[in-house]
Every structure is written in C-alpha cells, then in structure tokens.
Amino acid sequence: MSMQDPIADMLTRIRNAVRNHKNTVLVHKSKVCAGIAKVLTEEGYILGADEIDDGKGQGLLRINLKYGDRGEKVIHRIQRVSRPSCRVYAKVEELPRPLEGLGIAIVSTSSGILSDRQAREKKVGGELLATVD
C-alpha cells in the first residue's frame, strides 16, 4: 500500500515519539522529509537525522529527538498546515510567526525547504508545510 502523505506521517511519528519520551524515531526517507529534518536540526528542535539503507526502497531516516536538561520536551506541538487536499501558500510578507517568533514555520520554497526566518532573509514565499512550537 502506498503512503498518501509522507510529511504528515513523519510529523505524527515525531509527535508520538515525543509524547512517549523516545530518544529516536524511524521515518520513511524522502527529499522533503530529509529537508524538514535538516530545518528541525538547524533550529535546535532535534539533535539530528541519520540515513539508514533498508535494502527495500528509498531507505529510512533515524531522527534523534532532543529533550531539556530535566527531560522536558523541546517540541511541544508540531502541526501539518498544508495538506494534499488543501494546499496553503504564503508570500514572504504573509509567513506566520508561531508563538510570536519563538516557534518556527517550515516552508517549501524555490530555494528548498526553509524555516520562516530563512525564507524572510532570502525574501521568498512558498508552501507552508508545518509549524513547530
């Protein structure tokens, strides 16, 4: 059976792993998922992502989750914005600022997958993939 929305699957796996205080989570690898993992690493929400060859298809991504000194969650809410049935696009001036700038929005642009801060620096808009608080 084919997966309809790999981005939503990735975000749901991360959300469930954080809720259960897991250290790592495995997700199906794609260019978009690898880009999202790169943005989450650059913004400090996860420790990193490693590619694993499963010998079947594209492979897997092992995402190393991050927690505070006393075990508190770094990712409190991770939510899909644009869906396959209802795409959401935003110009650079219209990009959201989750938690008044304390969270990030992940945007798919012509320059690749960027955080809202990076998109504002490059002055590009695009499809809003997710928000992270």
C-alpha atoms as a PDB file:
ATOM      1  CA  MET A   1       0.000   0.000   0.000  1.00  0.00           C
ATOM      2  CA  SER A   2       1.372   3.398  -0.931  1.00  0.00           C
ATOM      3  CA  MET A   3       1.653   6.212   1.561  1.00  0.00           C
ATOM      4  CA  GLN A   4      -0.524   9.197   0.648  1.00  0.00           C
ATOM      5  CA  ASP A   5       1.145  11.885   2.776  1.00  0.00           C
ATOM      6  CA  PRO A   6       4.723  11.143   3.931  1.00  0.00           C
ATOM      7  CA  ILE A   7       5.052  14.562   5.605  1.00  0.00           C
ATOM      8  CA  ALA A   8       2.015  14.002   7.832  1.00  0.00           C
ATOM      9  CA  ASP A   9       3.292  10.509   8.631  1.00  0.00           C
ATOM     10  CA  MET A  10       6.695  11.914   9.656  1.00  0.00           C
ATOM     11  CA  LEU A  11       5.187  14.636  11.843  1.00  0.00           C
ATOM     12  CA  THR A  12       2.815  12.158  13.501  1.00  0.00           C
ATOM     13  CA  ARG A  13       5.664   9.756  14.267  1.00  0.00           C
ATOM     14  CA  ILE A  14       7.708  12.586  15.806  1.00  0.00           C
ATOM     15  CA  ARG A  15       4.686  13.804  17.812  1.00  0.00           C
ATOM     16  CA  ASN A  16       4.006  10.293  19.164  1.00  0.00           C
ATOM     17  CA  ALA A  17       7.684   9.639  19.980  1.00  0.00           C
ATOM     18  CA  VAL A  18       7.996  12.944  21.885  1.00  0.00           C
ATOM     19  CA  ARG A  19       4.805  12.173  23.795  1.00  0.00           C
ATOM     20  CA  ASN A  20       6.290   8.794  24.852  1.00  0.00           C
ATOM     21  CA  HIS A  21       9.777  10.255  25.603  1.00  0.00           C
ATOM     22  CA  LYS A  22      11.553   8.124  22.982  1.00  0.00           C
ATOM     23  CA  ASN A  23      15.122   9.028  22.021  1.00  0.00           C
ATOM     24  CA  THR A  24      14.864   8.081  18.338  1.00  0.00           C
ATOM     25  CA  VAL A  25      12.165   7.579  15.745  1.00  0.00           C
ATOM     26  CA  LEU A  26      12.323   5.956  12.289  1.00  0.00           C
ATOM     27  CA  VAL A  27      10.527   7.565   9.342  1.00  0.00           C
ATOM     28  CA  HIS A  28      10.461   6.807   5.627  1.00  0.00           C
ATOM     29  CA  LYS A  29      13.089   8.791   3.773  1.00  0.00           C
ATOM     30  CA  SER A  30      12.204  11.255   1.030  1.00  0.00           C
ATOM     31  CA  LYS A  31      13.738  14.531  -0.111  1.00  0.00           C
ATOM     32  CA  VAL A  32      11.015  16.534   1.621  1.00  0.00           C
ATOM     33  CA  CYS A  33      11.316  14.610   4.901  1.00  0.00           C
ATOM     34  CA  ALA A  34      15.110  14.974   4.828  1.00  0.00           C
ATOM     35  CA  GLY A  35      14.694  18.718   4.262  1.00  0.00           C
ATOM     36  CA  ILE A  36      12.276  19.020   7.178  1.00  0.00           C
ATOM     37  CA  ALA A  37      14.687  17.088   9.415  1.00  0.00           C
ATOM     38  CA  LYS A  38      17.519  19.423   8.328  1.00  0.00           C
ATOM     39  CA  VAL A  39      15.460  22.512   9.245  1.00  0.00           C
ATOM     40  CA  LEU A  40      14.492  20.995  12.620  1.00  0.00           C
ATOM     41  CA  THR A  41      18.173  20.283  13.314  1.00  0.00           C
ATOM     42  CA  GLU A  42      19.298  23.789  12.314  1.00  0.00           C
ATOM     43  CA  GLU A  43      16.612  25.379  14.513  1.00  0.00           C
ATOM     44  CA  GLY A  44      17.526  23.183  17.509  1.00  0.00           C
ATOM     45  CA  TYR A  45      14.367  21.079  17.807  1.00  0.00           C
ATOM     46  CA  ILE A  46      16.091  17.724  17.170  1.00  0.00           C
ATOM     47  CA  LEU A  47      19.671  16.508  17.591  1.00  0.00           C
ATOM     48  CA  GLY A  48      19.999  15.224  14.027  1.00  0.00           C
ATOM     49  CA  ALA A  49      18.887  12.707  11.446  1.00  0.00           C
ATOM     50  CA  ASP A  50      20.816   9.748  10.018  1.00  0.00           C
ATOM     51  CA  GLU A  51      20.027   7.956   6.773  1.00  0.00           C
ATOM     52  CA  ILE A  52      19.617   4.178   7.009  1.00  0.00           C
ATOM     53  CA  ASP A  53      19.569   1.870   3.985  1.00  0.00           C
ATOM     54  CA  ASP A  54      16.857  -0.735   4.473  1.00  0.00           C
ATOM     55  CA  GLY A  55      17.564  -2.520   1.177  1.00  0.00           C
ATOM     56  CA  LYS A  56      13.949  -2.192   0.037  1.00  0.00           C
ATOM     57  CA  GLY A  57      13.400   1.287  -1.321  1.00  0.00           C
ATOM     58  CA  GLN A  58      14.497   4.800  -0.536  1.00  0.00           C
ATOM     59  CA  GLY A  59      15.552   3.922   2.987  1.00  0.00           C
ATOM     60  CA  LEU A  60      14.762   5.333   6.400  1.00  0.00           C
ATOM     61  CA  LEU A  61      15.650   8.376   8.463  1.00  0.00           C
ATOM     62  CA  ARG A  62      16.579   7.879  12.111  1.00  0.00           C
ATOM     63  CA  ILE A  63      15.645  11.096  13.899  1.00  0.00           C
ATOM     64  CA  ASN A  64      17.353  11.716  17.246  1.00  0.00           C
ATOM     65  CA  LEU A  65      14.954  13.683  19.424  1.00  0.00           C
ATOM     66  CA  LYS A  66      16.043  16.403  21.820  1.00  0.00           C
ATOM     67  CA  TYR A  67      14.906  16.998  25.405  1.00  0.00           C
ATOM     68  CA  GLY A  68      15.833  19.572  28.045  1.00  0.00           C
ATOM     69  CA  ASP A  69      18.182  19.050  30.994  1.00  0.00           C
ATOM     70  CA  ARG A  70      15.376  17.766  33.207  1.00  0.00           C
ATOM     71  CA  GLY A  71      13.678  15.753  30.449  1.00  0.00           C
ATOM     72  CA  GLU A  72      11.226  18.461  29.375  1.00  0.00           C
ATOM     73  CA  LYS A  73      10.007  18.418  25.776  1.00  0.00           C
ATOM     74  CA  VAL A  74      11.604  20.723  23.214  1.00  0.00           C
ATOM     75  CA  ILE A  75       8.818  20.090  20.680  1.00  0.00           C
ATOM     76  CA  HIS A  76       5.517  20.901  22.371  1.00  0.00           C
ATOM     77  CA  ARG A  77       3.358  20.996  19.247  1.00  0.00           C
ATOM     78  CA  ILE A  78       4.122  20.028  15.663  1.00  0.00           C
ATOM     79  CA  GLN A  79       1.283  20.513  13.218  1.00  0.00           C
ATOM     80  CA  ARG A  80       0.769  19.995   9.471  1.00  0.00           C
ATOM     81  CA  VAL A  81      -0.568  23.128   7.741  1.00  0.00           C
ATOM     82  CA  SER A  82      -0.723  22.391   4.008  1.00  0.00           C
ATOM     83  CA  ARG A  83      -2.296  19.062   3.074  1.00  0.00           C
ATOM     84  CA  PRO A  84      -2.589  17.257  -0.268  1.00  0.00           C
ATOM     85  CA  SER A  85      -6.296  18.115  -0.362  1.00  0.00           C
ATOM     86  CA  CYS A  86      -5.859  21.760   0.684  1.00  0.00           C
ATOM     87  CA  ARG A  87      -2.561  23.422  -0.144  1.00  0.00           C
ATOM     88  CA  VAL A  88      -1.625  26.579   1.761  1.00  0.00           C
ATOM     89  CA  TYR A  89       0.734  29.098   0.159  1.00  0.00           C
ATOM     90  CA  ALA A  90       2.066  32.339   1.620  1.00  0.00           C
ATOM     91  CA  LYS A  91       4.027  35.293   0.313  1.00  0.00           C
ATOM     92  CA  VAL A  92       7.076  36.335   2.292  1.00  0.00           C
ATOM     93  CA  GLU A  93       5.100  39.131   3.996  1.00  0.00           C
ATOM     94  CA  GLU A  94       2.348  36.685   4.999  1.00  0.00           C
ATOM     95  CA  LEU A  95       4.553  33.985   6.585  1.00  0.00           C
ATOM     96  CA  PRO A  96       3.280  33.184  10.089  1.00  0.00           C
ATOM     97  CA  ARG A  97       5.292  33.721  13.264  1.00  0.00           C
ATOM     98  CA  PRO A  98       4.293  30.837  15.558  1.00  0.00           C
ATOM     99  CA  LEU A  99       4.355  31.826  19.246  1.00  0.00           C
ATOM    100  CA  GLU A 100       5.306  35.389  18.252  1.00  0.00           C
ATOM    101  CA  GLY A 101       8.642  34.211  16.827  1.00  0.00           C
ATOM    102  CA  LEU A 102       9.504  31.559  19.444  1.00  0.00           C
ATOM    103  CA  GLY A 103       8.300  28.744  17.173  1.00  0.00           C
ATOM    104  CA  ILE A 104       9.018  28.137  13.501  1.00  0.00           C
ATOM    105  CA  ALA A 105       7.074  27.572  10.319  1.00  0.00           C
ATOM    106  CA  ILE A 106       8.572  25.162   7.781  1.00  0.00           C
ATOM    107  CA  VAL A 107       8.195  26.428   4.204  1.00  0.00           C
ATOM    108  CA  SER A 108       8.825  24.691   0.882  1.00  0.00           C
ATOM    109  CA  THR A 109      10.293  27.355  -1.418  1.00  0.00           C
ATOM    110  CA  SER A 110      12.048  27.521  -4.761  1.00  0.00           C
ATOM    111  CA  SER A 111      15.291  27.688  -2.722  1.00  0.00           C
ATOM    112  CA  GLY A 112      14.496  24.425  -0.913  1.00  0.00           C
ATOM    113  CA  ILE A 113      12.856  23.706   2.412  1.00  0.00           C
ATOM    114  CA  LEU A 114      13.494  26.574   4.823  1.00  0.00           C
ATOM    115  CA  SER A 115      12.343  27.879   8.175  1.00  0.00           C
ATOM    116  CA  ASP A 116      10.251  31.058   8.161  1.00  0.00           C
ATOM    117  CA  ARG A 117      13.289  33.057   9.339  1.00  0.00           C
ATOM    118  CA  GLN A 118      15.456  31.795   6.484  1.00  0.00           C
ATOM    119  CA  ALA A 119      12.652  32.447   3.983  1.00  0.00           C
ATOM    120  CA  ARG A 120      12.343  36.041   5.206  1.00  0.00           C
ATOM    121  CA  GLU A 121      16.125  36.537   4.855  1.00  0.00           C
ATOM    122  CA  LYS A 122      16.032  35.217   1.276  1.00  0.00           C
ATOM    123  CA  LYS A 123      12.761  37.090   0.614  1.00  0.00           C
ATOM    124  CA  VAL A 124      10.933  34.045  -0.788  1.00  0.00           C
ATOM    125  CA  GLY A 125       7.488  32.649  -0.041  1.00  0.00           C
ATOM    126  CA  GLY A 126       6.127  29.194  -0.703  1.00  0.00           C
ATOM    127  CA  GLU A 127       4.006  26.350   0.595  1.00  0.00           C
ATOM    128  CA  LEU A 128       3.560  26.223   4.379  1.00  0.00           C
ATOM    129  CA  LEU A 129       4.322  22.629   5.327  1.00  0.00           C
ATOM    130  CA  ALA A 130       4.195  22.688   9.132  1.00  0.00           C
ATOM    131  CA  THR A 131       4.502  24.756  12.292  1.00  0.00           C
ATOM    132  CA  VAL A 132       6.557  23.787  15.340  1.00  0.00           C
ATOM    133  CA  ASP A 133       6.122  25.227  18.845  1.00  0.00           C
END
